[in-house]
Amino acid sequence: RLIEAGDADFVAMARAMLYDPRWPWHAAAELGAQVTAPPQYWRSQPREHKALFGDIAFGQR
């Protein structure tokens, strides 16, 4: 919606994602949001943003 309305620049967003592939995760963390990620990504959660993926549990139970 943002790009369609002209409120965001798609090229600028693409450059940010090429520079940092996890840019959407970092942006969500800065805004206090959570990201829905498949289980195979749960172990790659950034250390400084422990609540990014919500309440997940992995490892020994």
PDB file of N, CA and C in Angstrom:
ATOM      1  N   ARG A   1       0.817  -1.192   0.000  1.00  0.00           N
ATOM      2  CA  ARG A   1       0.000   0.000   0.000  1.00  0.00           C
ATOM      3  C   ARG A   1       0.862   1.257   0.000  1.00  0.00           C
ATOM      4  N   LEU A   2       1.923   1.233   0.768  1.00  0.00           N
ATOM      5  CA  LEU A   2       2.776   2.419   0.853  1.00  0.00           C
ATOM      6  C   LEU A   2       3.390   2.776  -0.490  1.00  0.00           C
ATOM      7  N   ILE A   3       3.857   1.771  -1.205  1.00  0.00           N
ATOM      8  CA  ILE A   3       4.484   2.023  -2.500  1.00  0.00           C
ATOM      9  C   ILE A   3       3.444   2.467  -3.510  1.00  0.00           C
ATOM     10  N   GLU A   4       2.288   1.822  -3.501  1.00  0.00           N
ATOM     11  CA  GLU A   4       1.210   2.170  -4.422  1.00  0.00           C
ATOM     12  C   GLU A   4       0.748   3.608  -4.224  1.00  0.00           C
ATOM     13  N   ALA A   5       0.706   4.052  -2.989  1.00  0.00           N
ATOM     14  CA  ALA A   5       0.269   5.416  -2.690  1.00  0.00           C
ATOM     15  C   ALA A   5       1.369   6.439  -2.941  1.00  0.00           C
ATOM     16  N   GLY A   6       2.588   5.970  -3.188  1.00  0.00           N
ATOM     17  CA  GLY A   6       3.690   6.891  -3.419  1.00  0.00           C
ATOM     18  C   GLY A   6       4.328   7.390  -2.135  1.00  0.00           C
ATOM     19  N   ASP A   7       4.002   6.757  -1.006  1.00  0.00           N
ATOM     20  CA  ASP A   7       4.558   7.177   0.282  1.00  0.00           C
ATOM     21  C   ASP A   7       5.908   6.528   0.578  1.00  0.00           C
ATOM     22  N   ALA A   8       6.297   5.537  -0.205  1.00  0.00           N
ATOM     23  CA  ALA A   8       7.580   4.868   0.003  1.00  0.00           C
ATOM     24  C   ALA A   8       8.279   4.705  -1.341  1.00  0.00           C
ATOM     25  N   ASP A   9       9.579   4.698  -1.304  1.00  0.00           N
ATOM     26  CA  ASP A   9      10.387   4.543  -2.505  1.00  0.00           C
ATOM     27  C   ASP A   9      10.865   3.096  -2.578  1.00  0.00           C
ATOM     28  N   PHE A  10      10.388   2.363  -3.577  1.00  0.00           N
ATOM     29  CA  PHE A  10      10.717   0.947  -3.700  1.00  0.00           C
ATOM     30  C   PHE A  10      12.211   0.732  -3.913  1.00  0.00           C
ATOM     31  N   VAL A  11      12.854   1.604  -4.674  1.00  0.00           N
ATOM     32  CA  VAL A  11      14.288   1.465  -4.925  1.00  0.00           C
ATOM     33  C   VAL A  11      15.074   1.642  -3.628  1.00  0.00           C
ATOM     34  N   ALA A  12      14.689   2.603  -2.811  1.00  0.00           N
ATOM     35  CA  ALA A  12      15.372   2.816  -1.533  1.00  0.00           C
ATOM     36  C   ALA A  12      15.189   1.612  -0.615  1.00  0.00           C
ATOM     37  N   MET A  13      13.999   1.036  -0.611  1.00  0.00           N
ATOM     38  CA  MET A  13      13.760  -0.154   0.215  1.00  0.00           C
ATOM     39  C   MET A  13      14.589  -1.334  -0.292  1.00  0.00           C
ATOM     40  N   ALA A  14      14.669  -1.495  -1.610  1.00  0.00           N
ATOM     41  CA  ALA A  14      15.448  -2.592  -2.185  1.00  0.00           C
ATOM     42  C   ALA A  14      16.931  -2.430  -1.868  1.00  0.00           C
ATOM     43  N   ARG A  15      17.433  -1.208  -1.925  1.00  0.00           N
ATOM     44  CA  ARG A  15      18.845  -0.975  -1.590  1.00  0.00           C
ATOM     45  C   ARG A  15      19.125  -1.338  -0.133  1.00  0.00           C
ATOM     46  N   ALA A  16      18.214  -0.959   0.747  1.00  0.00           N
ATOM     47  CA  ALA A  16      18.394  -1.290   2.163  1.00  0.00           C
ATOM     48  C   ALA A  16      18.403  -2.799   2.363  1.00  0.00           C
ATOM     49  N   MET A  17      17.543  -3.522   1.656  1.00  0.00           N
ATOM     50  CA  MET A  17      17.477  -4.977   1.812  1.00  0.00           C
ATOM     51  C   MET A  17      18.677  -5.674   1.179  1.00  0.00           C
ATOM     52  N   LEU A  18      19.222  -5.102   0.108  1.00  0.00           N
ATOM     53  CA  LEU A  18      20.435  -5.677  -0.474  1.00  0.00           C
ATOM     54  C   LEU A  18      21.630  -5.464   0.448  1.00  0.00           C
ATOM     55  N   TYR A  19      21.684  -4.305   1.079  1.00  0.00           N
ATOM     56  CA  TYR A  19      22.778  -4.003   2.004  1.00  0.00           C
ATOM     57  C   TYR A  19      22.675  -4.866   3.261  1.00  0.00           C
ATOM     58  N   ASP A  20      21.466  -5.039   3.765  1.00  0.00           N
ATOM     59  CA  ASP A  20      21.227  -5.822   4.985  1.00  0.00           C
ATOM     60  C   ASP A  20      19.988  -6.683   4.769  1.00  0.00           C
ATOM     61  N   PRO A  21      20.158  -7.965   4.410  1.00  0.00           N
ATOM     62  CA  PRO A  21      19.005  -8.827   4.129  1.00  0.00           C
ATOM     63  C   PRO A  21      18.020  -8.962   5.286  1.00  0.00           C
ATOM     64  N   ARG A  22      18.462  -8.685   6.507  1.00  0.00           N
ATOM     65  CA  ARG A  22      17.558  -8.760   7.655  1.00  0.00           C
ATOM     66  C   ARG A  22      17.023  -7.385   8.041  1.00  0.00           C
ATOM     67  N   TRP A  23      17.091  -6.450   7.128  1.00  0.00           N
ATOM     68  CA  TRP A  23      16.593  -5.101   7.386  1.00  0.00           C
ATOM     69  C   TRP A  23      15.136  -5.091   7.843  1.00  0.00           C
ATOM     70  N   PRO A  24      14.243  -5.887   7.247  1.00  0.00           N
ATOM     71  CA  PRO A  24      12.858  -5.894   7.747  1.00  0.00           C
ATOM     72  C   PRO A  24      12.760  -6.314   9.212  1.00  0.00           C
ATOM     73  N   TRP A  25      13.603  -7.255   9.639  1.00  0.00           N
ATOM     74  CA  TRP A  25      13.607  -7.667  11.044  1.00  0.00           C
ATOM     75  C   TRP A  25      14.045  -6.516  11.928  1.00  0.00           C
ATOM     76  N   HIS A  26      15.103  -5.826  11.528  1.00  0.00           N
ATOM     77  CA  HIS A  26      15.611  -4.705  12.325  1.00  0.00           C
ATOM     78  C   HIS A  26      14.590  -3.572  12.383  1.00  0.00           C
ATOM     79  N   ALA A  27      13.931  -3.305  11.261  1.00  0.00           N
ATOM     80  CA  ALA A  27      12.911  -2.251  11.244  1.00  0.00           C
ATOM     81  C   ALA A  27      11.752  -2.617  12.168  1.00  0.00           C
ATOM     82  N   ALA A  28      11.321  -3.864  12.126  1.00  0.00           N
ATOM     83  CA  ALA A  28      10.229  -4.306  13.003  1.00  0.00           C
ATOM     84  C   ALA A  28      10.628  -4.190  14.469  1.00  0.00           C
ATOM     85  N   ALA A  29      11.860  -4.553  14.785  1.00  0.00           N
ATOM     86  CA  ALA A  29      12.332  -4.475  16.172  1.00  0.00           C
ATOM     87  C   ALA A  29      12.365  -3.031  16.651  1.00  0.00           C
ATOM     88  N   GLU A  30      12.808  -2.113  15.806  1.00  0.00           N
ATOM     89  CA  GLU A  30      12.861  -0.699  16.185  1.00  0.00           C
ATOM     90  C   GLU A  30      11.464  -0.137  16.431  1.00  0.00           C
ATOM     91  N   LEU A  31      10.478  -0.658  15.706  1.00  0.00           N
ATOM     92  CA  LEU A  31       9.099  -0.194  15.864  1.00  0.00           C
ATOM     93  C   LEU A  31       8.355  -0.951  16.965  1.00  0.00           C
ATOM     94  N   GLY A  32       9.032  -1.918  17.576  1.00  0.00           N
ATOM     95  CA  GLY A  32       8.409  -2.687  18.652  1.00  0.00           C
ATOM     96  C   GLY A  32       7.457  -3.761  18.162  1.00  0.00           C
ATOM     97  N   ALA A  33       7.567  -4.129  16.899  1.00  0.00           N
ATOM     98  CA  ALA A  33       6.685  -5.142  16.320  1.00  0.00           C
ATOM     99  C   ALA A  33       7.328  -6.526  16.436  1.00  0.00           C
ATOM    100  N   GLN A  34       6.547  -7.544  16.130  1.00  0.00           N
ATOM    101  CA  GLN A  34       7.052  -8.908  16.094  1.00  0.00           C
ATOM    102  C   GLN A  34       6.950  -9.432  14.673  1.00  0.00           C
ATOM    103  N   VAL A  35       7.807 -10.389  14.360  1.00  0.00           N
ATOM    104  CA  VAL A  35       7.875 -10.969  13.028  1.00  0.00           C
ATOM    105  C   VAL A  35       7.430 -12.424  13.108  1.00  0.00           C
ATOM    106  N   THR A  36       6.609 -12.845  12.169  1.00  0.00           N
ATOM    107  CA  THR A  36       6.237 -14.252  12.062  1.00  0.00           C
ATOM    108  C   THR A  36       7.276 -14.925  11.178  1.00  0.00           C
ATOM    109  N   ALA A  37       8.015 -15.841  11.741  1.00  0.00           N
ATOM    110  CA  ALA A  37       9.079 -16.517  11.006  1.00  0.00           C
ATOM    111  C   ALA A  37       8.882 -18.020  11.097  1.00  0.00           C
ATOM    112  N   PRO A  38       9.255 -18.747  10.032  1.00  0.00           N
ATOM    113  CA  PRO A  38       9.160 -20.203  10.089  1.00  0.00           C
ATOM    114  C   PRO A  38      10.172 -20.763  11.092  1.00  0.00           C
ATOM    115  N   PRO A  39       9.918 -21.959  11.609  1.00  0.00           N
ATOM    116  CA  PRO A  39      10.781 -22.539  12.650  1.00  0.00           C
ATOM    117  C   PRO A  39      12.268 -22.583  12.293  1.00  0.00           C
ATOM    118  N   GLN A  40      12.607 -22.767  11.027  1.00  0.00           N
ATOM    119  CA  GLN A  40      14.024 -22.867  10.668  1.00  0.00           C
ATOM    120  C   GLN A  40      14.778 -21.549  10.871  1.00  0.00           C
ATOM    121  N   TYR A  41      14.072 -20.425  11.039  1.00  0.00           N
ATOM    122  CA  TYR A  41      14.717 -19.136  11.279  1.00  0.00           C
ATOM    123  C   TYR A  41      14.788 -18.782  12.762  1.00  0.00           C
ATOM    124  N   TRP A  42      14.151 -19.544  13.617  1.00  0.00           N
ATOM    125  CA  TRP A  42      14.081 -19.199  15.034  1.00  0.00           C
ATOM    126  C   TRP A  42      15.454 -19.083  15.683  1.00  0.00           C
ATOM    127  N   ARG A  43      16.409 -19.882  15.265  1.00  0.00           N
ATOM    128  CA  ARG A  43      17.747 -19.826  15.864  1.00  0.00           C
ATOM    129  C   ARG A  43      18.560 -18.636  15.364  1.00  0.00           C
ATOM    130  N   SER A  44      18.095 -17.929  14.354  1.00  0.00           N
ATOM    131  CA  SER A  44      18.843 -16.786  13.825  1.00  0.00           C
ATOM    132  C   SER A  44      18.289 -15.454  14.316  1.00  0.00           C
ATOM    133  N   GLN A  45      17.484 -15.491  15.351  1.00  0.00           N
ATOM    134  CA  GLN A  45      16.932 -14.264  15.920  1.00  0.00           C
ATOM    135  C   GLN A  45      18.068 -13.376  16.436  1.00  0.00           C
ATOM    136  N   PRO A  46      18.056 -12.083  16.117  1.00  0.00           N
ATOM    137  CA  PRO A  46      19.125 -11.201  16.600  1.00  0.00           C
ATOM    138  C   PRO A  46      19.191 -11.178  18.125  1.00  0.00           C
ATOM    139  N   ARG A  47      20.388 -11.219  18.673  1.00  0.00           N
ATOM    140  CA  ARG A  47      20.575 -11.259  20.130  1.00  0.00           C
ATOM    141  C   ARG A  47      20.019 -10.025  20.817  1.00  0.00           C
ATOM    142  N   GLU A  48      20.158  -8.886  20.175  1.00  0.00           N
ATOM    143  CA  GLU A  48      19.715  -7.643  20.811  1.00  0.00           C
ATOM    144  C   GLU A  48      18.200  -7.450  20.766  1.00  0.00           C
ATOM    145  N   HIS A  49      17.498  -8.302  20.031  1.00  0.00           N
ATOM    146  CA  HIS A  49      16.039  -8.194  19.915  1.00  0.00           C
ATOM    147  C   HIS A  49      15.408  -9.548  20.238  1.00  0.00           C
ATOM    148  N   LYS A  50      15.416  -9.923  21.497  1.00  0.00           N
ATOM    149  CA  LYS A  50      14.952 -11.247  21.916  1.00  0.00           C
ATOM    150  C   LYS A  50      13.453 -11.470  21.720  1.00  0.00           C
ATOM    151  N   ALA A  51      12.662 -10.426  21.672  1.00  0.00           N
ATOM    152  CA  ALA A  51      11.211 -10.587  21.537  1.00  0.00           C
ATOM    153  C   ALA A  51      10.738 -10.457  20.093  1.00  0.00           C
ATOM    154  N   LEU A  52      11.662 -10.421  19.141  1.00  0.00           N
ATOM    155  CA  LEU A  52      11.295 -10.185  17.743  1.00  0.00           C
ATOM    156  C   LEU A  52      10.375 -11.265  17.183  1.00  0.00           C
ATOM    157  N   PHE A  53      10.623 -12.522  17.516  1.00  0.00           N
ATOM    158  CA  PHE A  53       9.809 -13.622  17.000  1.00  0.00           C
ATOM    159  C   PHE A  53       8.689 -14.013  17.955  1.00  0.00           C
ATOM    160  N   GLY A  54       8.469 -13.235  18.980  1.00  0.00           N
ATOM    161  CA  GLY A  54       7.415 -13.546  19.939  1.00  0.00           C
ATOM    162  C   GLY A  54       7.878 -14.589  20.936  1.00  0.00           C
ATOM    163  N   ASP A  55       6.950 -15.336  21.457  1.00  0.00           N
ATOM    164  CA  ASP A  55       7.252 -16.365  22.459  1.00  0.00           C
ATOM    165  C   ASP A  55       7.515 -17.692  21.769  1.00  0.00           C
ATOM    166  N   ILE A  56       8.771 -17.921  21.422  1.00  0.00           N
ATOM    167  CA  ILE A  56       9.139 -19.183  20.783  1.00  0.00           C
ATOM    168  C   ILE A  56       9.980 -19.998  21.750  1.00  0.00           C
ATOM    169  N   ALA A  57       9.946 -21.290  21.580  1.00  0.00           N
ATOM    170  CA  ALA A  57      10.763 -22.181  22.396  1.00  0.00           C
ATOM    171  C   ALA A  57      11.393 -23.213  21.476  1.00  0.00           C
ATOM    172  N   PHE A  58      12.691 -23.383  21.611  1.00  0.00           N
ATOM    173  CA  PHE A  58      13.373 -24.402  20.829  1.00  0.00           C
ATOM    174  C   PHE A  58      14.454 -25.017  21.693  1.00  0.00           C
ATOM    175  N   GLY A  59      14.993 -26.129  21.252  1.00  0.00           N
ATOM    176  CA  GLY A  59      16.006 -26.825  22.037  1.00  0.00           C
ATOM    177  C   GLY A  59      15.376 -27.936  22.850  1.00  0.00           C
ATOM    178  N   GLN A  60      16.029 -28.297  23.937  1.00  0.00           N
ATOM    179  CA  GLN A  60      15.514 -29.376  24.774  1.00  0.00           C
ATOM    180  C   GLN A  60      14.247 -28.934  25.487  1.00  0.00           C
ATOM    181  N   ARG A  61      13.365 -29.864  25.661  1.00  0.00           N
ATOM    182  CA  ARG A  61      12.082 -29.544  26.306  1.00  0.00           C
ATOM    183  C   ARG A  61      11.994 -30.172  27.656  1.00  0.00           C
TER     184      ARG A  61
END
